C-alpha atoms as a PDB file:
ATOM      1  CA  UNK A   1       6.660   7.330  29.353  1.00  0.00           C
ATOM      2  CA  UNK A   2       9.732   8.520  25.744  1.00  0.00           C
ATOM      3  CA  UNK A   3       7.209  10.766  24.273  1.00  0.00           C
ATOM      4  CA  UNK A   4       9.494  13.942  24.249  1.00  0.00           C
ATOM      5  CA  UNK A   5      11.492  13.396  20.845  1.00  0.00           C
ATOM      6  CA  UNK A   6       8.331  12.219  19.573  1.00  0.00           C
ATOM      7  CA  UNK A   7       7.011  15.656  20.497  1.00  0.00           C
ATOM      8  CA  UNK A   8       9.879  16.957  18.856  1.00  0.00           C
ATOM      9  CA  UNK A   9      10.097  15.611  15.916  1.00  0.00           C
ATOM     10  CA  UNK A  10       6.886  16.344  15.411  1.00  0.00           C
ATOM     11  CA  UNK A  11       7.037  20.027  16.654  1.00  0.00           C
ATOM     12  CA  UNK A  12      10.004  20.786  13.743  1.00  0.00           C
ATOM     13  CA  UNK A  13       7.901  18.495  10.986  1.00  0.00           C
ATOM     14  CA  UNK A  14       5.111  21.466  11.809  1.00  0.00           C
ATOM     15  CA  UNK A  15       7.423  24.151  12.690  1.00  0.00           C
ATOM     16  CA  UNK A  16       9.203  23.448   9.069  1.00  0.00           C
ATOM     17  CA  UNK A  17       5.791  22.996   7.064  1.00  0.00           C
ATOM     18  CA  UNK A  18       4.533  26.812   8.121  1.00  0.00           C
ATOM     19  CA  UNK A  19       7.421  28.350   7.462  1.00  0.00           C
ATOM     20  CA  UNK A  20       9.821  26.926   4.898  1.00  0.00           C
ATOM     21  CA  UNK A  21       8.211  27.969   1.474  1.00  0.00           C
ATOM     22  CA  UNK A  22       8.795  24.946  -0.928  1.00  0.00           C
ATOM     23  CA  UNK A  23       7.587  25.249  -4.635  1.00  0.00           C
ATOM     24  CA  UNK A  24       5.540  23.402  -6.305  1.00  0.00           C
ATOM     25  CA  UNK A  25       4.505  21.698  -8.643  1.00  0.00           C
ATOM     26  CA  UNK A  26       1.166  22.996 -10.055  1.00  0.00           C
ATOM     27  CA  UNK A  27       0.713  21.499 -12.981  1.00  0.00           C
ATOM     28  CA  UNK A  28       2.850  18.494 -12.275  1.00  0.00           C
ATOM     29  CA  UNK A  29       0.480  17.552  -9.408  1.00  0.00           C
ATOM     30  CA  UNK A  30      -2.541  18.680 -11.335  1.00  0.00           C
ATOM     31  CA  UNK A  31      -2.017  15.459 -14.143  1.00  0.00           C
ATOM     32  CA  UNK A  32      -1.698  13.766 -11.485  1.00  0.00           C
ATOM     33  CA  UNK A  33      -4.265  13.879  -9.744  1.00  0.00           C
ATOM     34  CA  UNK A  34      -6.014  14.499 -13.007  1.00  0.00           C
ATOM     35  CA  UNK A  35      -5.340  10.128 -13.154  1.00  0.00           C
ATOM     36  CA  UNK A  36      -3.358  11.556 -16.099  1.00  0.00           C
ATOM     37  CA  UNK A  37       0.303  10.629 -14.320  1.00  0.00           C
ATOM     38  CA  UNK A  38       1.441   8.047 -17.270  1.00  0.00           C
ATOM     39  CA  UNK A  39       2.619   5.309 -15.009  1.00  0.00           C
ATOM     40  CA  UNK A  40       2.845   1.679 -16.861  1.00  0.00           C
ATOM     41  CA  UNK A  41       0.533   0.205 -14.461  1.00  0.00           C
ATOM     42  CA  UNK A  42      -2.263   2.359 -15.001  1.00  0.00           C
ATOM     43  CA  UNK A  43      -2.170   1.942 -18.653  1.00  0.00           C
ATOM     44  CA  UNK A  44      -3.306  -1.249 -17.923  1.00  0.00           C
ATOM     45  CA  UNK A  45      -4.369  -3.000 -14.958  1.00  0.00           C
ATOM     46  CA  UNK A  46      -4.474  -6.385 -15.882  1.00  0.00           C
ATOM     47  CA  UNK A  47      -1.286  -6.564 -17.411  1.00  0.00           C
ATOM     48  CA  UNK A  48       0.431  -5.616 -14.425  1.00  0.00           C
ATOM     49  CA  UNK A  49      -0.004  -7.570 -10.709  1.00  0.00           C
ATOM     50  CA  UNK A  50       2.212  -6.727  -8.117  1.00  0.00           C
ATOM     51  CA  UNK A  51       1.317  -9.533  -5.474  1.00  0.00           C
ATOM     52  CA  UNK A  52       0.856 -11.951  -9.033  1.00  0.00           C
ATOM     53  CA  UNK A  53       3.439 -13.812  -8.387  1.00  0.00           C
ATOM     54  CA  UNK A  54       3.000 -14.280  -4.162  1.00  0.00           C
ATOM     55  CA  UNK A  55      -0.094 -15.511  -5.218  1.00  0.00           C
ATOM     56  CA  UNK A  56       1.686 -18.365  -6.648  1.00  0.00           C
ATOM     57  CA  UNK A  57       4.055 -19.451  -4.270  1.00  0.00           C
ATOM     58  CA  UNK A  58       1.479 -19.217  -1.467  1.00  0.00           C
ATOM     59  CA  UNK A  59      -1.987 -20.890  -3.590  1.00  0.00           C
ATOM     60  CA  UNK A  60      -2.681 -24.290  -1.963  1.00  0.00           C
ATOM     61  CA  UNK A  61      -2.463 -26.955  -3.949  1.00  0.00           C
ATOM     62  CA  UNK A  62      -4.802 -28.886  -2.273  1.00  0.00           C
ATOM     63  CA  UNK A  63      -8.528 -27.836  -1.321  1.00  0.00           C
ATOM     64  CA  UNK A  64     -10.196 -26.937   1.764  1.00  0.00           C
ATOM     65  CA  UNK A  65     -11.253 -29.704   4.142  1.00  0.00           C
ATOM     66  CA  UNK A  66     -14.865 -30.858   3.699  1.00  0.00           C
ATOM     67  CA  UNK A  67     -16.830 -31.605   6.839  1.00  0.00           C
ATOM     68  CA  UNK A  68     -16.509 -35.301   5.938  1.00  0.00           C
ATOM     69  CA  UNK A  69     -12.762 -34.947   6.502  1.00  0.00           C
ATOM     70  CA  UNK A  70     -12.968 -33.446  10.100  1.00  0.00           C
ATOM     71  CA  UNK A  71     -16.038 -35.705  11.749  1.00  0.00           C
ATOM     72  CA  UNK A  72     -13.361 -38.241  10.505  1.00  0.00           C
ATOM     73  CA  UNK A  73     -11.123 -36.614  11.899  1.00  0.00           C
ATOM     74  CA  UNK A  74     -13.103 -35.584  15.479  1.00  0.00           C
ATOM     75  CA  UNK A  75     -14.430 -39.107  15.650  1.00  0.00           C
END
């Protein structure tokens, strides 16, 4: 149940794609496909790491427990 709205939305999108004419910037598309986008992070991938801050924040400062610690706790 509840599939009616989803199907109606998909039908609407499909009709828009089929019958409306959109102007496509083929020069921009060609640059993107060739990899000439000019984004800042494409120039030097080592400088830009969007997850570096999160990795530092959630890094585990303690080493992982080894088997000896497990054996002592188990008994």
